[in-house]
Amino acid sequence: MRPVRFVALSEDGQALVLADEVGRLLALPIDERVSTALQPDRSGAVATLTVPAGQIDTNAALSPRDIQSRIRGGESADDVARVAGVPVDRVLRYAGPVLQERAMLAQHARRTKLRTADRSTSGSLAEVVDARLAQHGVDAEKISWDAYRREDGTWRIIATWPSGKATAQAIWELDKTRQSVTPHDDMAQYLCADRTSAAEAPPSRGETSRGGHGLPAAADGGRRPARDPIRAGRDALIAALDRPA
């Protein structure tokens, strides 16, 4: 049985929004069985799922709109609650619709055509990434997809997955107008690259070779490699991907 956690009440108040261990959102309709399963409060009455009409405390640092804006920008409910000075469950009342929006955008991006700097692939983002990681033992069910909106209104897509004791991630840019996604960071470039040509390319072509942990080594002539922007987990992941099967 796969564990799930409560995220929020749906916008129409007719379902519970749940999330599994990889971040996928689920909707549980509130029927008679769910209602009767709720624990009674101290007065003996059945707990209600109706969200109170009152807004966040006037002393709170953030308004409901501010909370939703921060959640849409990728912040967690815990972080927003600390900034707003309110309990997490109160933040979740307003975060539900935004979390659904983020999940929908992430799923949309997974089905969107992938574009790279040198060519346009024929597959979707999910087809390319899932297949590539599956070749190296990363189960697609362990890949968590999310999306967040930047201040300029553009959206970024993030995929995260366990890599040893750390977590690896890759980021793409979503172009909603052109219905395409492009790699944003080095990990996304690495996952979406044409590995056949890259593996067969000799050093004489000017391409950098793999150094320690599978990272690009310094080029001839003493030139220093570019700073690696990937967060925790990249070294372990790339080393694992480059090891012979």
Protein backbone atom coordinates (compact mmCIF):
# COMPACT_ATOMS: atom_id res chain seq x y z
CA MET A 1 0.00 0.00 0.00
CA ARG A 2 1.45 3.35 -1.07
CA PRO A 3 1.40 6.07 1.61
CA VAL A 4 -0.19 9.45 0.88
CA ARG A 5 -0.35 12.73 2.78
CA PHE A 6 -3.02 15.40 3.04
CA VAL A 7 -2.32 18.56 1.01
CA ALA A 8 -5.49 20.63 1.04
CA LEU A 9 -9.23 20.75 0.57
CA SER A 10 -10.23 21.07 -3.08
CA GLU A 11 -11.36 24.48 -4.28
CA ASP A 12 -15.00 23.38 -4.45
CA GLY A 13 -14.77 21.70 -1.03
CA GLN A 14 -15.93 18.35 -2.41
CA ALA A 15 -12.66 16.40 -2.25
CA LEU A 16 -9.45 15.98 -0.28
CA VAL A 17 -6.27 16.72 -2.23
CA LEU A 18 -3.62 14.12 -1.36
CA ALA A 19 -0.03 13.58 -2.53
CA ASP A 20 1.96 10.37 -2.75
CA GLU A 21 5.65 9.94 -1.91
CA VAL A 22 6.79 11.21 -5.32
CA GLY A 23 4.58 14.31 -5.29
CA ARG A 24 1.73 13.20 -7.53
CA LEU A 25 -1.58 14.75 -6.50
CA LEU A 26 -4.68 12.61 -5.91
CA ALA A 27 -8.29 13.62 -5.27
CA LEU A 28 -10.42 11.73 -2.73
CA PRO A 29 -14.13 12.65 -3.03
CA ILE A 30 -15.73 13.38 0.33
CA ASP A 31 -18.56 10.86 0.47
CA GLU A 32 -20.46 9.38 3.40
CA ARG A 33 -17.77 6.81 4.14
CA VAL A 34 -15.07 9.46 4.37
CA SER A 35 -17.23 11.68 6.55
CA THR A 36 -18.09 8.91 9.00
CA ALA A 37 -14.44 7.86 9.19
CA LEU A 38 -13.40 11.24 10.57
CA GLN A 39 -12.53 11.30 14.22
CA PRO A 40 -15.06 13.16 16.41
CA ASP A 41 -13.91 16.23 18.29
CA ARG A 42 -14.07 16.59 22.08
CA SER A 43 -17.72 17.60 22.02
CA GLY A 44 -18.60 14.33 20.27
CA ALA A 45 -19.60 16.00 17.00
CA VAL A 46 -18.19 14.74 13.74
CA ALA A 47 -15.38 16.96 12.49
CA THR A 48 -16.37 19.15 9.57
CA LEU A 49 -14.38 19.60 6.38
CA THR A 50 -15.83 23.01 5.60
CA VAL A 51 -13.20 25.72 5.38
CA PRO A 52 -14.07 28.64 7.68
CA ALA A 53 -15.10 31.79 5.91
CA GLY A 54 -12.65 33.88 7.92
CA GLN A 55 -9.45 34.98 6.31
CA ILE A 56 -5.95 34.72 7.67
CA ASP A 57 -5.34 36.67 10.86
CA THR A 58 -4.96 40.40 10.28
CA ASN A 59 -1.67 40.24 12.15
CA ALA A 60 -0.24 37.78 9.64
CA ALA A 61 2.60 39.02 7.46
CA LEU A 62 1.08 37.71 4.22
CA SER A 63 -2.35 37.96 2.63
CA PRO A 64 -4.01 34.93 0.98
CA ARG A 65 -2.94 36.30 -2.41
CA ASP A 66 0.66 36.64 -1.19
CA ILE A 67 0.58 33.08 0.09
CA GLN A 68 -0.64 31.75 -3.25
CA SER A 69 1.96 33.82 -5.10
CA ARG A 70 4.76 32.35 -3.01
CA ILE A 71 3.45 28.81 -3.40
CA ARG A 72 3.18 29.35 -7.15
CA GLY A 73 6.80 30.50 -7.10
CA GLY A 74 7.93 27.16 -5.72
CA GLU A 75 8.04 27.77 -1.97
CA SER A 76 6.80 25.06 0.37
CA ALA A 77 3.82 25.46 2.69
CA ASP A 78 6.15 25.18 5.69
CA ASP A 79 8.34 28.04 4.46
CA VAL A 80 5.34 30.25 3.71
CA ALA A 81 3.81 29.50 7.11
CA ARG A 82 6.98 30.67 8.84
CA VAL A 83 7.01 33.91 6.86
CA ALA A 84 3.28 34.51 7.38
CA GLY A 85 3.41 33.62 11.06
CA VAL A 86 0.46 31.23 10.81
CA PRO A 87 -0.02 27.45 11.19
CA VAL A 88 0.77 25.32 8.15
CA ASP A 89 -2.81 24.03 7.89
CA ARG A 90 -4.02 27.59 7.41
CA VAL A 91 -1.59 28.09 4.53
CA LEU A 92 -2.78 24.84 2.96
CA ARG A 93 -6.33 26.21 2.73
CA TYR A 94 -5.11 28.64 0.09
CA ALA A 95 -2.31 26.53 -1.35
CA GLY A 96 -4.53 23.72 -2.67
CA PRO A 97 -5.57 25.29 -5.99
CA VAL A 98 -2.03 26.55 -6.63
CA LEU A 99 -0.50 23.16 -5.91
CA GLN A 100 -2.96 21.66 -8.37
CA GLU A 101 -1.91 24.27 -10.93
CA ARG A 102 1.76 23.41 -10.44
CA ALA A 103 1.03 19.70 -10.75
CA MET A 104 -1.01 20.24 -13.92
CA LEU A 105 1.77 22.33 -15.50
CA ALA A 106 4.35 19.68 -14.61
CA GLN A 107 2.26 16.93 -16.19
CA HIS A 108 1.65 19.13 -19.24
CA ALA A 109 5.40 19.67 -19.59
CA ARG A 110 6.06 15.93 -19.40
CA ARG A 111 3.84 15.48 -22.47
CA THR A 112 5.36 18.46 -24.28
CA LYS A 113 7.85 18.15 -27.12
CA LEU A 114 11.47 18.45 -26.03
CA ARG A 115 13.79 20.85 -27.82
CA THR A 116 17.56 20.97 -27.43
CA ALA A 117 20.12 23.50 -28.59
CA ASP A 118 21.24 21.42 -31.58
CA ARG A 119 18.04 19.67 -32.64
CA SER A 120 14.40 19.04 -31.91
CA THR A 121 13.65 15.58 -30.60
CA SER A 122 10.67 13.57 -31.74
CA GLY A 123 9.76 12.53 -28.20
CA SER A 124 8.20 14.23 -25.24
CA LEU A 125 10.14 15.30 -22.16
CA ALA A 126 8.90 12.30 -20.16
CA GLU A 127 9.73 9.84 -22.93
CA VAL A 128 13.30 11.09 -23.19
CA VAL A 129 14.06 11.50 -19.49
CA ASP A 130 12.23 8.42 -18.20
CA ALA A 131 13.85 6.19 -20.81
CA ARG A 132 17.32 7.59 -20.18
CA LEU A 133 17.15 7.17 -16.41
CA ALA A 134 15.50 3.75 -16.70
CA GLN A 135 18.56 2.50 -18.59
CA HIS A 136 20.57 3.18 -15.45
CA GLY A 137 18.24 1.72 -12.87
CA VAL A 138 16.19 4.80 -11.94
CA ASP A 139 12.53 3.79 -11.74
CA ALA A 140 10.17 6.30 -13.35
CA GLU A 141 7.92 6.08 -10.28
CA LYS A 142 10.74 7.52 -8.19
CA ILE A 143 11.00 10.63 -10.36
CA SER A 144 9.06 13.56 -8.91
CA TRP A 145 7.95 16.32 -11.27
CA ASP A 146 7.05 19.85 -10.23
CA ALA A 147 6.69 23.32 -11.75
CA TYR A 148 7.04 26.86 -10.50
CA ARG A 149 6.51 30.30 -11.98
CA ARG A 150 9.24 32.90 -12.01
CA GLU A 151 8.74 36.62 -11.43
CA ASP A 152 8.80 37.28 -15.19
CA GLY A 153 5.85 34.93 -15.67
CA THR A 154 7.77 32.07 -17.27
CA TRP A 155 7.56 28.55 -15.90
CA ARG A 156 10.30 26.10 -15.03
CA ILE A 157 9.93 22.35 -14.71
CA ILE A 158 11.89 20.37 -12.13
CA ALA A 159 12.50 16.63 -12.00
CA THR A 160 14.02 15.17 -8.83
CA TRP A 161 14.99 11.62 -7.98
CA PRO A 162 17.05 9.79 -5.34
CA SER A 163 20.76 9.47 -6.10
CA GLY A 164 22.50 7.49 -3.39
CA LYS A 165 22.11 9.39 -0.14
CA ALA A 166 21.38 12.64 -1.97
CA THR A 167 18.74 13.93 -4.36
CA ALA A 168 19.49 14.82 -7.97
CA GLN A 169 17.50 17.31 -10.01
CA ALA A 170 17.22 18.71 -13.50
CA ILE A 171 15.46 21.88 -14.67
CA TRP A 172 13.81 22.78 -17.96
CA GLU A 173 12.19 25.93 -19.35
CA LEU A 174 8.55 25.58 -20.44
CA ASP A 175 7.47 27.69 -23.40
CA LYS A 176 3.68 27.61 -23.19
CA THR A 177 3.29 29.61 -26.40
CA ARG A 178 5.45 27.33 -28.55
CA GLN A 179 4.42 24.22 -26.63
CA SER A 180 7.99 23.09 -26.05
CA VAL A 181 10.49 22.56 -23.25
CA THR A 182 14.24 23.21 -23.35
CA PRO A 183 17.00 22.21 -20.92
CA HIS A 184 17.91 24.93 -18.43
CA ASP A 185 20.79 23.48 -16.41
CA ASP A 186 23.69 21.10 -17.01
CA MET A 187 21.86 18.06 -15.68
CA ALA A 188 18.93 18.61 -18.05
CA GLN A 189 21.39 19.06 -20.92
CA TYR A 190 23.15 15.86 -19.92
CA LEU A 191 19.95 13.82 -19.76
CA CYS A 192 18.66 15.12 -23.09
CA ALA A 193 21.91 14.98 -25.05
CA ASP A 194 22.48 12.57 -27.91
CA ARG A 195 24.52 10.10 -25.89
CA THR A 196 25.46 7.93 -28.87
CA SER A 197 27.31 10.67 -30.68
CA ALA A 198 28.69 12.09 -27.46
CA ALA A 199 30.11 8.73 -26.38
CA GLU A 200 31.75 8.10 -29.76
CA ALA A 201 33.17 11.59 -30.20
CA PRO A 202 37.00 11.53 -29.88
CA PRO A 203 38.81 14.10 -27.70
CA SER A 204 40.28 15.66 -30.85
CA ARG A 205 36.91 17.24 -31.62
CA GLY A 206 37.42 19.63 -28.77
CA GLU A 207 34.86 18.08 -26.46
CA THR A 208 35.83 17.80 -22.82
CA SER A 209 36.47 14.38 -21.36
CA ARG A 210 35.04 13.11 -18.11
CA GLY A 211 37.04 13.89 -15.01
CA GLY A 212 36.51 12.79 -11.44
CA HIS A 213 32.98 11.57 -10.65
CA GLY A 214 32.13 11.81 -14.35
CA LEU A 215 32.30 15.62 -14.45
CA PRO A 216 33.97 17.46 -17.35
CA ALA A 217 37.74 17.57 -16.93
CA ALA A 218 39.83 20.64 -17.58
CA ALA A 219 40.62 21.16 -21.24
CA ASP A 220 44.20 21.10 -22.60
CA GLY A 221 46.14 24.29 -22.06
CA GLY A 222 45.26 24.67 -18.41
CA ARG A 223 41.85 26.21 -18.99
CA ARG A 224 39.68 25.85 -15.91
CA PRO A 225 36.31 24.09 -16.30
CA ALA A 226 33.14 26.13 -15.94
CA ARG A 227 31.58 26.21 -12.49
CA ASP A 228 29.11 23.37 -12.04
CA PRO A 229 25.69 24.81 -11.05
CA ILE A 230 24.03 21.47 -10.26
CA ARG A 231 22.96 20.96 -6.67
CA ALA A 232 23.54 17.99 -4.38
CA GLY A 233 23.34 14.61 -6.08
CA ARG A 234 24.81 15.44 -9.47
CA ASP A 235 28.25 13.91 -8.86
CA ALA A 236 26.80 10.61 -7.71
CA LEU A 237 24.26 10.47 -10.54
CA ILE A 238 26.63 11.24 -13.42
CA ALA A 239 29.22 8.82 -12.05
CA ALA A 240 26.55 6.11 -11.97
CA LEU A 241 25.34 6.91 -15.48
CA ASP A 242 28.86 6.77 -16.91
CA ARG A 243 29.75 3.43 -15.35
CA PRO A 244 29.63 0.54 -17.86
CA ALA A 245 26.56 -1.69 -17.50
